[in-house]
Protein backbone atom coordinates (compact mmCIF):
# COMPACT_ATOMS: atom_id res chain seq x y z
CA UNK A 1 20.49 30.02 -24.14
CA UNK A 2 23.14 28.77 -21.72
CA UNK A 3 21.77 26.30 -19.15
CA UNK A 4 23.53 25.15 -15.99
CA UNK A 5 21.30 23.20 -13.61
CA UNK A 6 22.89 21.71 -10.48
CA UNK A 7 21.56 19.46 -7.74
CA UNK A 8 23.45 17.92 -4.86
CA UNK A 9 22.71 15.96 -1.76
CA UNK A 10 24.81 14.62 1.11
CA UNK A 11 23.95 11.00 1.93
CA UNK A 12 25.26 8.43 4.37
CA UNK A 13 26.75 5.39 2.67
CA UNK A 14 29.68 4.06 0.71
CA UNK A 15 30.87 4.40 -2.87
CA UNK A 16 30.37 0.65 -3.29
CA UNK A 17 26.71 0.91 -2.23
CA UNK A 18 26.06 3.76 -4.68
CA UNK A 19 28.00 1.96 -7.44
CA UNK A 20 25.79 -1.11 -6.95
CA UNK A 21 22.71 1.09 -7.37
CA UNK A 22 24.05 3.04 -10.38
CA UNK A 23 24.98 -0.23 -12.17
CA UNK A 24 21.26 -1.03 -12.41
CA UNK A 25 20.33 2.23 -14.17
CA UNK A 26 18.10 1.58 -17.17
CA UNK A 27 17.95 -2.16 -16.53
CA UNK A 28 14.85 -4.22 -15.79
CA UNK A 29 15.90 -4.01 -12.10
CA UNK A 30 16.55 -0.23 -12.08
CA UNK A 31 17.24 0.78 -8.46
CA UNK A 32 18.31 4.33 -9.32
CA UNK A 33 15.71 6.01 -11.53
CA UNK A 34 12.30 6.56 -9.85
CA UNK A 35 10.38 4.64 -12.52
CA UNK A 36 7.59 4.11 -9.99
CA UNK A 37 6.75 7.81 -10.45
CA UNK A 38 8.22 8.70 -13.85
CA UNK A 39 8.57 7.09 -17.28
CA UNK A 40 11.10 4.28 -17.27
CA UNK A 41 14.52 4.73 -18.82
CA UNK A 42 14.78 2.45 -21.84
CA UNK A 43 18.28 1.39 -22.88
CA UNK A 44 19.06 0.09 -26.34
CA UNK A 45 20.62 -3.34 -26.45
CA UNK A 46 20.68 -6.12 -23.89
CA UNK A 47 19.61 -5.67 -20.28
CA UNK A 48 22.56 -4.82 -18.09
CA UNK A 49 24.71 -2.10 -16.61
CA UNK A 50 25.37 1.23 -18.32
CA UNK A 51 28.07 1.16 -20.99
CA UNK A 52 29.78 4.04 -22.82
CA UNK A 53 28.18 4.47 -26.23
CA UNK A 54 24.84 3.02 -25.16
CA UNK A 55 21.78 5.02 -26.15
CA UNK A 56 18.87 5.52 -23.77
CA UNK A 57 15.49 7.21 -23.90
CA UNK A 58 13.11 8.47 -21.26
CA UNK A 59 9.92 10.12 -22.49
CA UNK A 60 10.97 12.87 -24.97
CA UNK A 61 14.66 12.81 -23.99
CA UNK A 62 17.17 10.65 -25.84
CA UNK A 63 20.84 10.50 -24.83
CA UNK A 64 24.07 8.55 -25.24
CA UNK A 65 26.39 7.58 -22.39
CA UNK A 66 29.77 9.30 -22.87
CA UNK A 67 31.54 8.25 -19.67
CA UNK A 68 31.02 5.74 -16.88
CA UNK A 69 33.57 5.26 -14.11
CA UNK A 70 33.38 3.36 -10.87
CA UNK A 71 36.36 3.43 -8.53
CA UNK A 72 37.21 5.85 -5.76
CA UNK A 73 34.24 7.83 -7.05
CA UNK A 74 31.23 7.20 -9.26
CA UNK A 75 30.98 9.32 -12.39
CA UNK A 76 28.76 9.13 -15.44
CA UNK A 77 27.85 11.48 -18.24
CA UNK A 78 25.19 11.58 -20.95
CA UNK A 79 25.13 13.68 -24.12
CA UNK A 80 21.71 14.82 -25.29
CA UNK A 81 20.56 13.53 -28.68
CA UNK A 82 16.96 14.75 -28.35
CA UNK A 83 15.00 16.92 -28.00
CA UNK A 84 16.29 18.89 -30.96
CA UNK A 85 18.17 21.99 -29.85
CA UNK A 86 19.45 20.54 -26.55
CA UNK A 87 23.22 20.57 -27.02
CA UNK A 88 25.23 19.49 -24.02
CA UNK A 89 25.57 17.04 -21.17
CA UNK A 90 23.99 15.70 -18.03
CA UNK A 91 26.64 14.47 -15.59
CA UNK A 92 26.82 13.06 -12.10
CA UNK A 93 29.60 12.56 -9.59
CA UNK A 94 29.55 10.83 -6.24
CA UNK A 95 32.51 11.02 -3.90
CA UNK A 96 33.23 10.46 -0.23
CA UNK A 97 33.45 13.55 1.96
CA UNK A 98 34.39 11.80 5.23
CA UNK A 99 32.63 10.30 8.25
CA UNK A 100 30.70 7.83 6.09
CA UNK A 101 29.13 10.64 4.07
CA UNK A 102 28.87 10.97 0.30
CA UNK A 103 28.22 13.98 -1.90
CA UNK A 104 25.99 13.09 -4.86
CA UNK A 105 26.14 15.92 -7.37
CA UNK A 106 24.41 16.07 -10.74
CA UNK A 107 24.27 18.85 -13.28
CA UNK A 108 23.18 19.75 -16.77
CA UNK A 109 25.54 21.89 -18.80
CA UNK A 110 24.05 22.71 -22.20
CA UNK A 111 22.96 25.32 -24.71
CA UNK A 112 19.47 25.45 -26.10
CA UNK A 113 19.45 26.24 -29.81
CA UNK A 114 16.36 27.85 -31.25
CA UNK A 115 13.19 29.27 -29.77
CA UNK A 116 11.39 25.92 -29.48
CA UNK A 117 14.22 24.28 -27.48
CA UNK A 118 14.60 27.34 -25.25
CA UNK A 119 10.89 27.50 -24.46
CA UNK A 120 10.77 23.73 -23.91
CA UNK A 121 13.55 24.03 -21.30
CA UNK A 122 12.17 27.16 -19.64
CA UNK A 123 8.57 26.04 -19.29
CA UNK A 124 8.61 22.22 -19.26
CA UNK A 125 11.85 20.28 -19.00
CA UNK A 126 13.49 22.41 -16.30
CA UNK A 127 10.65 21.79 -13.85
CA UNK A 128 10.31 18.10 -14.67
CA UNK A 129 14.08 17.61 -14.45
CA UNK A 130 14.23 19.17 -10.98
CA UNK A 131 11.42 16.94 -9.74
CA UNK A 132 12.90 13.75 -11.25
CA UNK A 133 16.36 14.43 -9.77
CA UNK A 134 14.94 14.99 -6.28
CA UNK A 135 12.84 11.81 -6.58
CA UNK A 136 15.97 9.95 -7.72
CA UNK A 137 17.96 11.25 -4.75
CA UNK A 138 15.14 10.18 -2.40
CA UNK A 139 15.09 6.68 -3.89
CA UNK A 140 18.87 6.26 -3.61
CA UNK A 141 18.98 7.66 -0.07
CA UNK A 142 16.25 5.25 1.10
CA UNK A 143 18.27 2.33 -0.27
CA UNK A 144 21.29 3.57 1.68
CA UNK A 145 19.20 3.35 4.85
CA UNK A 146 18.36 7.03 5.10
CA UNK A 147 15.00 8.67 5.63
CA UNK A 148 14.89 11.55 3.17
CA UNK A 149 12.32 14.19 4.06
CA UNK A 150 10.97 13.95 0.53
CA UNK A 151 9.81 16.92 -1.44
CA UNK A 152 6.56 18.05 -2.94
CA UNK A 153 6.10 18.53 -6.62
CA UNK A 154 5.29 22.10 -7.57
CA UNK A 155 1.85 22.93 -8.90
CA UNK A 156 3.43 23.42 -12.33
CA UNK A 157 4.96 19.89 -12.26
CA UNK A 158 1.53 18.49 -11.34
CA UNK A 159 -0.08 20.38 -14.23
CA UNK A 160 2.57 19.16 -16.69
CA UNK A 161 2.10 15.58 -15.50
CA UNK A 162 -1.67 15.87 -15.90
CA UNK A 163 -1.23 17.11 -19.47
CA UNK A 164 1.21 14.29 -20.18
CA UNK A 165 -1.16 11.75 -18.64
CA UNK A 166 -3.83 12.78 -21.15
CA UNK A 167 -1.38 12.08 -23.99
CA UNK A 168 0.66 9.09 -22.80
CA UNK A 169 -0.40 5.54 -21.90
CA UNK A 170 2.75 5.19 -19.74
CA UNK A 171 1.74 8.19 -17.61
CA UNK A 172 -1.80 6.79 -17.34
CA UNK A 173 -0.41 3.53 -15.89
CA UNK A 174 1.80 5.45 -13.43
CA UNK A 175 -1.21 7.52 -12.35
CA UNK A 176 -3.34 4.41 -11.77
CA UNK A 177 -0.56 2.89 -9.64
CA UNK A 178 -0.45 6.08 -7.52
CA UNK A 179 -4.22 6.00 -7.04
CA UNK A 180 -4.14 2.38 -5.88
CA UNK A 181 -1.67 3.14 -3.05
């Protein structure tokens, strides 16, 4: 099944500010991924900025960085390694659109191969991906000085997280942190 999933958000800030945030992705000081709410991204190798060829994992998803550019824009791309049957990329681009505004755009372009991968995308990963991306955008926008309105997780995302919490110690820790707030 062909999958194209796009998200974008206009934010106030500079390319340099976003680049400084993106450089921390997957590190012990990750300022980009909402690890306060979701499983942490674990990079292979030493702690540090993203590097082409580096492999990362977050929950059931494993991927390798295929491009990473910081200059007049910020661009990075990951190729899926797992789950099995996810063949394609997750990419992001950030560029200035004028008046101190940035367009942060991210998309998945992939094919699911096989019934299991297709059902996994349709009923699980698609919903979790949408929620994680919006939480990521909120986190970045707050660091740029904005006040994102936030979004609410769908009932289905809450159900999936509850199921995962029953199976995963990492989700149990995240849940306890949420309860203590």
